[in-house]
Amino acid sequence: MINAISFDANQNRNDADKIGSNTSSANRIMSRCDQLQKISSRKETYFRAYLTPEHRQAADKIMRWMRAAGMLARMDPAGNVVGRYEGVNPGAPAVVLASHFDTVRDAGRYDGVLEILTAIECIAAIRDRRRRFPFALEVYGFADEEGARFSISFIGSRAMAGLLKDQDLAKTDIDGITLAEALQNFGLSSTRIFEAARQSDEMLAYFELHIEQGPRLQSESLSVGAVTGIQGQTFATCTFKGRAGHAGTVPMDLRRDGLLGSAEAVLAIEKIASKEADIVATVGRITVEPGAANVIPGRVIFSIDLRSPSNSRRNLAWWKIRESLEAIARRRRLTVEFIPIMSQDPVSCDPRLTDMVAEACGEVTGRAFRMMSGAGHDAEIMASLCPMAMIFVRCKNGISHHPDEAVISADVTDGYRTLLLTIDKFAAAL
């Protein structure tokens, strides 16, 4: 049972006993989250996609805040925003603090941007104390993590890590615009996006603070926790193809209904995931063609999102899903096609950095709690470039990717303090 805690934002923003002298920092972080939430392509819901006017507007605002905190700020060739606070020696390798500022459709206001804004606030505090480290501090706002526009995730961090591929530029959005075309339309270059790549000797470490997007911290009555790793993910689309026909003239026994096959397939996916240990599976998007009320669906495309902390269990579940869906297609006289979009192995956080985060969490909350991440993060991409670790901040009932996503300022303050302490611990360990 999830422990009940107060999520009255106004009440908690005035909870001076809890957050003491850090009240203004928490209020500023949350106010800026509110401001970014207004930069949306939709009036009734929150949505900000990659390489759109909203992307540009949000990037400009974030860079203004970076500069106000004492950083040099720029946009890189992938559309990421980068703020740099130099160390004792200019040009030194950096500790990177980062997350993303794109959103899913109908989003909440804290996913991704909470880290960027918390990191900016940390840099401002370090600047105000006239502190410099033996390393630079860089804040990255990745322009695409969610993959909401081109159905490929982590474009921003993959570009930075040098993992973007030529074939990615051919990916299209719902209007048929390729990633290459969108870059040109935005004012960037499809040939220069690869120049966003950084080298491993430029980075000492990567830290990402993020809302948990799950209920574990709330169930433990904790505001922050140290992440030990990120589970693996398989993301693909499946197409069931039958034959479209008149809804009134084709007998039921002669139909090859792609939607009925897909409906059975979705339930089969649920059944397989429910029976396997440490497996979750989601069908979050379905496209029915031709999509008319009086026409038998001839073609249906749906997404499959499969996740597990175990590579072997994830691969076994994926094999079982494919086998089951192929059997459904044969029985219903349909064809089935699987198109892999992404396969990401589980990623472990760096043990040494995680110990620093856990110690900081313990100093802030009295308990050095460690936990696995069920969601994907830019950190898993950055692990290919440098050691990485993550800090989770409690969110209301674990709700995320939804307008009800909520945090309280007391917890934001604890996240802010934990990140500052972690930077100090990293510096002390050099």
Protein backbone atom coordinates (compact mmCIF):
# COMPACT_ATOMS: atom_id res chain seq x y z
CA MET A 1 0.00 0.00 0.00
CA ILE A 2 1.34 3.42 -0.95
CA ASN A 3 1.87 5.72 2.00
CA ALA A 4 -0.25 8.85 1.93
CA ILE A 5 1.64 12.14 1.86
CA SER A 6 0.53 15.67 1.16
CA PHE A 7 0.82 16.88 -2.42
CA ASP A 8 -0.63 20.35 -1.92
CA ALA A 9 1.95 22.34 -3.91
CA ASN A 10 1.07 25.72 -2.36
CA GLN A 11 1.22 24.33 1.16
CA ASN A 12 4.53 22.60 0.58
CA ARG A 13 6.15 25.57 -1.13
CA ASN A 14 5.69 27.44 2.15
CA ASP A 15 6.97 24.59 4.32
CA ALA A 16 9.94 26.53 5.67
CA ASP A 17 10.64 24.04 8.45
CA LYS A 18 11.28 21.36 5.85
CA ILE A 19 13.28 23.22 3.26
CA GLY A 20 14.73 26.04 5.29
CA SER A 21 17.04 28.36 3.37
CA ASN A 22 16.51 26.40 0.15
CA THR A 23 12.88 27.52 -0.21
CA SER A 24 13.70 30.05 -2.94
CA SER A 25 15.64 27.46 -4.96
CA ALA A 26 12.75 24.97 -4.89
CA ASN A 27 10.25 27.68 -5.73
CA ARG A 28 12.37 28.90 -8.64
CA ILE A 29 12.79 25.36 -10.03
CA MET A 30 9.07 24.65 -9.83
CA SER A 31 8.14 28.06 -11.24
CA ARG A 32 10.38 27.42 -14.23
CA CYS A 33 8.75 24.01 -14.72
CA ASP A 34 5.44 25.87 -14.82
CA GLN A 35 6.80 28.30 -17.41
CA LEU A 36 8.07 25.51 -19.68
CA GLN A 37 4.73 23.73 -19.36
CA LYS A 38 3.13 26.69 -21.13
CA ILE A 39 5.33 26.14 -24.19
CA SER A 40 3.15 23.56 -25.86
CA SER A 41 1.89 22.87 -29.38
CA ARG A 42 -1.54 22.10 -27.93
CA LYS A 43 -3.73 24.44 -25.93
CA GLU A 44 -5.54 21.89 -23.79
CA THR A 45 -2.65 19.48 -23.17
CA TYR A 46 1.12 19.66 -22.79
CA PHE A 47 3.14 18.48 -25.79
CA ARG A 48 6.51 19.66 -27.05
CA ALA A 49 8.14 17.70 -29.85
CA TYR A 50 11.60 17.72 -31.37
CA LEU A 51 12.50 20.31 -34.04
CA THR A 52 9.30 22.33 -33.68
CA PRO A 53 8.73 26.03 -32.89
CA GLU A 54 8.05 24.96 -29.29
CA HIS A 55 11.42 23.23 -29.16
CA ARG A 56 13.07 26.50 -30.22
CA GLN A 57 11.10 28.57 -27.72
CA ALA A 58 11.88 26.26 -24.80
CA ALA A 59 15.55 26.02 -25.78
CA ASP A 60 15.90 29.80 -25.86
CA LYS A 61 14.32 30.11 -22.41
CA ILE A 62 16.55 27.39 -20.91
CA MET A 63 19.67 29.00 -22.38
CA ARG A 64 18.68 32.35 -20.85
CA TRP A 65 18.45 30.67 -17.44
CA MET A 66 21.82 28.98 -18.01
CA ARG A 67 23.46 32.31 -18.77
CA ALA A 68 21.83 33.92 -15.74
CA ALA A 69 23.38 31.15 -13.61
CA GLY A 70 26.86 32.00 -14.88
CA MET A 71 27.24 29.53 -17.74
CA LEU A 72 28.15 29.93 -21.36
CA ALA A 73 25.19 28.50 -23.28
CA ARG A 74 24.77 27.24 -26.83
CA MET A 75 22.67 24.96 -29.01
CA ASP A 76 24.59 22.03 -30.49
CA PRO A 77 24.09 20.61 -34.03
CA ALA A 78 21.47 18.15 -32.78
CA GLY A 79 19.34 20.87 -31.17
CA ASN A 80 20.44 20.06 -27.62
CA VAL A 81 21.12 23.01 -25.33
CA VAL A 82 24.44 23.04 -23.48
CA GLY A 83 25.54 25.24 -20.59
CA ARG A 84 29.14 25.17 -19.36
CA TYR A 85 30.58 26.45 -16.09
CA GLU A 86 34.35 26.32 -16.32
CA GLY A 87 36.57 24.71 -13.70
CA VAL A 88 39.79 25.99 -12.20
CA ASN A 89 41.52 25.34 -15.52
CA PRO A 90 39.53 26.35 -18.62
CA GLY A 91 38.96 23.50 -21.05
CA ALA A 92 39.10 20.78 -18.38
CA PRO A 93 36.95 17.65 -18.78
CA ALA A 94 33.38 18.03 -17.52
CA VAL A 95 30.96 16.47 -15.12
CA VAL A 96 27.68 16.45 -17.04
CA LEU A 97 24.28 17.03 -15.43
CA ALA A 98 21.48 16.37 -17.89
CA SER A 99 18.04 15.25 -18.92
CA HIS A 100 15.54 16.09 -21.69
CA PHE A 101 13.07 18.89 -22.41
CA ASP A 102 10.86 17.24 -25.04
CA THR A 103 7.65 15.59 -23.86
CA VAL A 104 5.24 12.82 -24.63
CA ARG A 105 1.76 13.74 -25.79
CA ASP A 106 -0.53 14.84 -22.96
CA ALA A 107 2.49 15.09 -20.66
CA GLY A 108 3.15 16.06 -17.09
CA ARG A 109 5.28 19.10 -16.32
CA TYR A 110 8.27 17.61 -14.46
CA ASP A 111 9.51 14.67 -16.55
CA GLY A 112 12.97 15.61 -17.83
CA VAL A 113 12.91 19.35 -17.19
CA LEU A 114 13.12 18.96 -13.40
CA GLU A 115 16.74 17.77 -13.74
CA ILE A 116 17.75 20.49 -16.18
CA LEU A 117 16.34 23.22 -13.96
CA THR A 118 17.69 21.66 -10.75
CA ALA A 119 21.14 21.45 -12.34
CA ILE A 120 20.96 25.11 -13.39
CA GLU A 121 20.02 26.03 -9.82
CA CYS A 122 22.99 24.05 -8.51
CA ILE A 123 25.35 25.89 -10.87
CA ALA A 124 23.91 29.22 -9.71
CA ALA A 125 24.56 28.27 -6.07
CA ILE A 126 28.12 27.20 -6.88
CA ARG A 127 28.70 30.45 -8.78
CA ASP A 128 27.28 32.53 -5.91
CA ARG A 129 29.73 30.83 -3.53
CA ARG A 130 32.57 31.63 -5.96
CA ARG A 131 33.51 27.99 -6.20
CA ARG A 132 35.45 26.31 -9.00
CA PHE A 133 36.28 22.62 -9.29
CA PRO A 134 39.15 20.73 -10.95
CA PHE A 135 36.57 19.95 -13.64
CA ALA A 136 33.99 21.90 -15.61
CA LEU A 137 30.28 21.46 -15.02
CA GLU A 138 28.05 21.11 -18.05
CA VAL A 139 24.27 21.07 -18.09
CA TYR A 140 22.70 19.39 -21.10
CA GLY A 141 19.09 19.73 -22.11
CA PHE A 142 18.54 16.92 -24.57
CA ALA A 143 16.13 17.95 -27.31
CA ASP A 144 14.68 14.49 -27.95
CA GLU A 145 14.42 11.60 -25.51
CA GLU A 146 10.80 10.52 -25.80
CA GLY A 147 10.81 9.86 -29.55
CA ALA A 148 7.29 11.26 -29.87
CA ARG A 149 7.82 12.75 -33.33
CA PHE A 150 9.99 10.27 -35.24
CA SER A 151 9.29 7.11 -33.20
CA ILE A 152 12.97 6.73 -32.35
CA SER A 153 14.03 7.57 -28.83
CA PHE A 154 17.10 9.34 -27.45
CA ILE A 155 18.00 11.32 -30.58
CA GLY A 156 19.59 14.06 -28.44
CA SER A 157 21.76 11.87 -26.21
CA ARG A 158 22.54 9.41 -29.00
CA ALA A 159 23.85 12.29 -31.09
CA MET A 160 26.02 13.46 -28.18
CA ALA A 161 27.30 9.93 -27.54
CA GLY A 162 28.12 9.41 -31.22
CA LEU A 163 25.53 6.65 -31.59
CA LEU A 164 23.26 8.28 -34.18
CA LYS A 165 23.26 6.47 -37.53
CA ASP A 166 22.92 7.71 -41.11
CA GLN A 167 19.75 5.66 -41.53
CA ASP A 168 18.14 7.52 -38.62
CA LEU A 169 17.97 10.62 -40.83
CA ALA A 170 15.45 8.82 -43.07
CA LYS A 171 12.95 8.28 -40.24
CA THR A 172 9.68 10.12 -40.85
CA ASP A 173 7.08 11.78 -38.67
CA ILE A 174 3.31 11.42 -39.07
CA ASP A 175 3.35 13.97 -41.92
CA GLY A 176 6.05 12.13 -43.85
CA ILE A 177 8.76 14.67 -42.99
CA THR A 178 12.14 13.00 -42.55
CA LEU A 179 14.46 13.76 -39.68
CA ALA A 180 16.91 15.20 -42.22
CA GLU A 181 14.24 17.54 -43.60
CA ALA A 182 13.11 18.56 -40.12
CA LEU A 183 16.66 19.50 -39.17
CA GLN A 184 16.94 21.71 -42.26
CA ASN A 185 13.55 23.30 -41.60
CA PHE A 186 14.61 24.04 -38.02
CA GLY A 187 17.76 25.80 -39.19
CA LEU A 188 20.17 22.98 -38.39
CA SER A 189 22.07 20.78 -40.84
CA SER A 190 21.38 17.12 -41.47
CA THR A 191 25.04 16.64 -42.36
CA ARG A 192 26.33 18.41 -39.25
CA ILE A 193 24.16 16.66 -36.64
CA PHE A 194 26.94 14.12 -36.17
CA GLU A 195 29.19 16.98 -35.00
CA ALA A 196 27.18 16.97 -31.77
CA ALA A 197 29.18 13.88 -30.75
CA ARG A 198 31.53 14.28 -27.80
CA GLN A 199 34.59 12.20 -26.95
CA SER A 200 34.91 10.14 -23.80
CA ASP A 201 38.00 12.06 -22.67
CA GLU A 202 35.87 15.22 -22.50
CA MET A 203 33.64 13.70 -19.80
CA LEU A 204 34.51 12.56 -16.29
CA ALA A 205 31.03 11.55 -15.16
CA TYR A 206 27.33 11.92 -15.87
CA PHE A 207 24.63 12.50 -13.24
CA GLU A 208 20.92 12.60 -14.00
CA LEU A 209 18.27 13.61 -11.50
CA HIS A 210 14.76 12.56 -12.52
CA ILE A 211 11.33 12.04 -11.08
CA GLU A 212 10.96 8.37 -10.27
CA GLN A 213 7.91 7.77 -12.51
CA GLY A 214 6.92 4.95 -10.17
CA PRO A 215 5.56 4.53 -6.61
CA ARG A 216 8.53 2.95 -4.83
CA LEU A 217 9.87 6.06 -3.09
CA GLN A 218 6.39 7.03 -1.93
CA SER A 219 5.85 3.54 -0.52
CA GLU A 220 9.13 3.91 1.38
CA SER A 221 8.24 7.42 2.63
CA LEU A 222 11.40 8.79 1.04
CA SER A 223 11.97 11.89 -1.07
CA VAL A 224 15.06 10.72 -2.98
CA GLY A 225 16.85 7.50 -3.88
CA ALA A 226 19.95 6.27 -5.70
CA VAL A 227 19.39 4.35 -8.94
CA THR A 228 21.39 1.15 -9.40
CA GLY A 229 20.49 0.46 -13.02
CA ILE A 230 18.02 0.82 -15.88
CA GLN A 231 16.13 -2.15 -17.23
CA GLY A 232 16.38 -3.26 -20.85
CA GLN A 233 13.77 -2.49 -23.48
CA THR A 234 12.58 -3.94 -26.76
CA PHE A 235 10.43 -1.60 -28.83
CA ALA A 236 8.86 -2.69 -32.10
CA THR A 237 5.83 -2.34 -34.30
CA CYS A 238 3.67 -5.23 -35.41
CA THR A 239 1.45 -5.19 -38.51
CA PHE A 240 -1.48 -7.56 -39.03
CA LYS A 241 -2.66 -7.51 -42.62
CA GLY A 242 -5.90 -9.09 -43.81
CA ARG A 243 -8.40 -7.87 -46.36
CA ALA A 244 -10.62 -4.81 -46.15
CA GLY A 245 -14.24 -5.36 -47.14
CA HIS A 246 -17.80 -4.11 -46.82
CA ALA A 247 -19.08 -4.31 -43.27
CA GLY A 248 -22.51 -5.47 -44.42
CA THR A 249 -21.78 -7.91 -47.23
CA VAL A 250 -18.86 -10.09 -46.10
CA PRO A 251 -19.97 -13.06 -43.92
CA MET A 252 -18.19 -13.46 -40.60
CA ASP A 253 -16.62 -16.81 -41.55
CA LEU A 254 -15.05 -15.32 -44.70
CA ARG A 255 -13.51 -12.27 -43.10
CA ARG A 256 -9.80 -11.60 -42.67
CA ASP A 257 -10.15 -8.87 -40.07
CA GLY A 258 -6.83 -7.31 -39.10
CA LEU A 259 -8.28 -5.63 -36.03
CA LEU A 260 -9.72 -8.81 -34.56
CA GLY A 261 -6.36 -10.48 -34.98
CA SER A 262 -4.68 -7.51 -33.33
CA ALA A 263 -7.16 -7.52 -30.45
CA GLU A 264 -6.36 -11.15 -29.77
CA ALA A 265 -2.64 -10.36 -30.09
CA VAL A 266 -2.80 -7.56 -27.51
CA LEU A 267 -4.41 -9.90 -24.98
CA ALA A 268 -1.81 -12.56 -25.77
CA ILE A 269 0.97 -10.06 -25.06
CA GLU A 270 -0.63 -9.21 -21.73
CA LYS A 271 -0.93 -12.90 -20.81
CA ILE A 272 2.70 -13.68 -21.66
CA ALA A 273 4.05 -10.68 -19.72
CA SER A 274 1.86 -11.47 -16.71
CA LYS A 275 3.22 -15.02 -16.47
CA GLU A 276 6.90 -14.10 -16.80
CA ALA A 277 9.01 -12.81 -13.90
CA ASP A 278 10.31 -9.23 -14.11
CA ILE A 279 8.55 -8.52 -17.42
CA VAL A 280 6.24 -5.66 -18.35
CA ALA A 281 4.71 -5.22 -21.80
CA THR A 282 2.61 -2.40 -23.22
CA VAL A 283 0.70 -1.79 -26.43
CA GLY A 284 0.33 1.98 -26.42
CA ARG A 285 -0.49 2.86 -30.00
CA ILE A 286 -2.80 1.24 -32.59
CA THR A 287 -3.48 2.44 -36.14
CA VAL A 288 -6.44 0.91 -37.96
CA GLU A 289 -6.72 1.12 -41.75
CA PRO A 290 -8.71 2.17 -43.62
CA GLY A 291 -10.36 3.42 -40.43
CA ALA A 292 -13.96 3.71 -41.64
CA ALA A 293 -16.93 2.64 -39.54
CA ASN A 294 -18.46 0.57 -42.34
CA VAL A 295 -15.28 -1.13 -43.59
CA ILE A 296 -13.65 -4.29 -42.21
CA PRO A 297 -10.16 -3.32 -41.01
CA GLY A 298 -7.67 -4.66 -43.53
CA ARG A 299 -4.44 -3.47 -41.91
CA VAL A 300 -3.59 -2.74 -38.29
CA ILE A 301 -0.28 -1.50 -36.92
CA PHE A 302 0.44 -1.49 -33.19
CA SER A 303 3.43 -0.84 -30.96
CA ILE A 304 4.99 -3.31 -28.55
CA ASP A 305 7.05 -2.06 -25.61
CA LEU A 306 8.71 -4.88 -23.66
CA ARG A 307 10.95 -4.28 -20.64
CA SER A 308 12.91 -6.28 -18.09
CA PRO A 309 16.02 -5.93 -15.92
CA SER A 310 17.09 -9.32 -17.29
CA ASN A 311 18.30 -9.67 -20.88
CA SER A 312 17.60 -13.40 -20.99
CA ARG A 313 14.04 -13.05 -19.66
CA ARG A 314 13.31 -10.16 -22.01
CA ASN A 315 14.59 -12.10 -25.01
CA LEU A 316 12.60 -15.18 -23.99
CA ALA A 317 9.42 -13.13 -23.57
CA TRP A 318 9.97 -11.50 -26.98
CA TRP A 319 10.36 -14.95 -28.59
CA LYS A 320 7.13 -16.13 -26.93
CA ILE A 321 5.27 -13.02 -28.09
CA ARG A 322 6.40 -13.45 -31.68
CA GLU A 323 5.52 -17.16 -31.67
CA SER A 324 2.06 -16.46 -30.24
CA LEU A 325 1.28 -13.63 -32.67
CA GLU A 326 2.43 -15.68 -35.66
CA ALA A 327 0.06 -18.47 -34.57
CA ILE A 328 -2.82 -16.00 -34.29
CA ALA A 329 -2.08 -14.70 -37.79
CA ARG A 330 -2.04 -18.22 -39.29
CA ARG A 331 -5.32 -19.17 -37.63
CA ARG A 332 -7.04 -15.99 -38.82
CA ARG A 333 -5.53 -16.10 -42.33
CA LEU A 334 -3.58 -12.89 -41.81
CA THR A 335 0.01 -11.93 -42.48
CA VAL A 336 2.12 -10.53 -39.65
CA GLU A 337 5.25 -8.39 -39.80
CA PHE A 338 7.48 -7.23 -36.97
CA ILE A 339 9.63 -4.14 -37.40
CA PRO A 340 12.23 -3.66 -34.64
CA ILE A 341 12.66 -0.04 -33.61
CA MET A 342 14.98 -0.30 -30.62
CA SER A 343 16.61 -2.96 -28.48
CA GLN A 344 18.37 -1.59 -25.42
CA ASP A 345 20.18 -3.89 -23.00
CA PRO A 346 19.88 -3.30 -19.26
CA VAL A 347 22.45 -0.79 -18.04
CA SER A 348 24.06 -0.70 -14.62
CA CYS A 349 24.94 2.59 -13.00
CA ASP A 350 28.59 3.07 -12.09
CA PRO A 351 29.09 1.57 -8.58
CA ARG A 352 31.48 4.27 -7.38
CA LEU A 353 29.22 7.12 -8.51
CA THR A 354 26.15 5.33 -7.16
CA ASP A 355 27.83 5.07 -3.76
CA MET A 356 28.31 8.84 -3.82
CA VAL A 357 24.65 9.40 -4.71
CA ALA A 358 23.51 6.94 -2.03
CA GLU A 359 25.67 8.65 0.61
CA ALA A 360 24.22 12.02 -0.39
CA CYS A 361 20.68 10.60 -0.20
CA GLY A 362 21.48 9.27 3.26
CA GLU A 363 22.73 12.64 4.44
CA VAL A 364 19.61 14.37 3.14
CA THR A 365 16.94 11.85 4.23
CA GLY A 366 18.66 9.65 6.82
CA ARG A 367 18.48 6.60 4.57
CA ALA A 368 20.69 5.66 1.63
CA PHE A 369 17.98 3.94 -0.41
CA ARG A 370 18.88 2.17 -3.68
CA MET A 371 16.50 1.13 -6.43
CA MET A 372 16.21 -0.05 -10.04
CA SER A 373 14.68 2.17 -12.73
CA GLY A 374 11.76 0.76 -14.66
CA ALA A 375 11.81 3.63 -17.15
CA GLY A 376 14.35 4.44 -19.83
CA HIS A 377 16.56 7.50 -19.48
CA ASP A 378 19.26 9.37 -21.37
CA ALA A 379 21.63 8.01 -18.72
CA GLU A 380 21.57 4.58 -20.35
CA ILE A 381 22.86 6.12 -23.58
CA MET A 382 25.47 8.19 -21.76
CA ALA A 383 26.83 5.07 -20.07
CA SER A 384 28.54 4.32 -23.40
CA LEU A 385 30.49 7.58 -23.10
CA CYS A 386 31.38 7.91 -19.41
CA PRO A 387 30.51 6.57 -15.92
CA MET A 388 26.95 7.52 -14.98
CA ALA A 389 24.64 7.57 -11.99
CA MET A 390 21.09 8.72 -11.27
CA ILE A 391 19.06 10.34 -8.50
CA PHE A 392 15.33 9.71 -8.27
CA VAL A 393 12.91 12.21 -6.75
CA ARG A 394 9.54 11.07 -5.43
CA CYS A 395 6.44 11.86 -7.49
CA LYS A 396 2.82 11.63 -6.47
CA ASN A 397 1.54 8.04 -6.61
CA GLY A 398 4.24 7.24 -9.16
CA ILE A 399 2.20 8.91 -11.91
CA SER A 400 4.12 10.18 -14.92
CA HIS A 401 3.57 10.78 -18.64
CA HIS A 402 0.22 12.22 -17.55
CA PRO A 403 -1.11 15.68 -16.59
CA ASP A 404 -1.51 14.47 -12.98
CA GLU A 405 2.27 14.16 -12.64
CA ALA A 406 3.20 16.04 -9.44
CA VAL A 407 6.05 16.72 -7.02
CA ILE A 408 6.29 18.83 -3.89
CA SER A 409 8.82 21.54 -3.23
CA ALA A 410 10.17 19.76 -0.15
CA ASP A 411 11.15 16.83 -2.35
CA VAL A 412 12.52 19.12 -5.05
CA THR A 413 14.70 20.70 -2.38
CA ASP A 414 15.95 17.29 -1.27
CA GLY A 415 16.79 16.46 -4.88
CA TYR A 416 18.61 19.78 -5.26
CA ARG A 417 20.58 19.23 -2.04
CA THR A 418 21.40 15.65 -3.04
CA LEU A 419 22.75 16.75 -6.41
CA LEU A 420 24.89 19.48 -4.83
CA LEU A 421 26.26 17.04 -2.26
CA THR A 422 27.02 14.52 -4.99
CA ILE A 423 29.05 17.09 -6.92
CA ASP A 424 31.01 17.87 -3.75
CA LYS A 425 31.61 14.17 -3.09
CA PHE A 426 32.85 13.65 -6.63
CA ALA A 427 35.26 16.58 -6.30
CA ALA A 428 36.53 15.28 -2.96
CA ALA A 429 37.21 11.85 -4.45
CA LEU A 430 39.51 13.15 -7.19
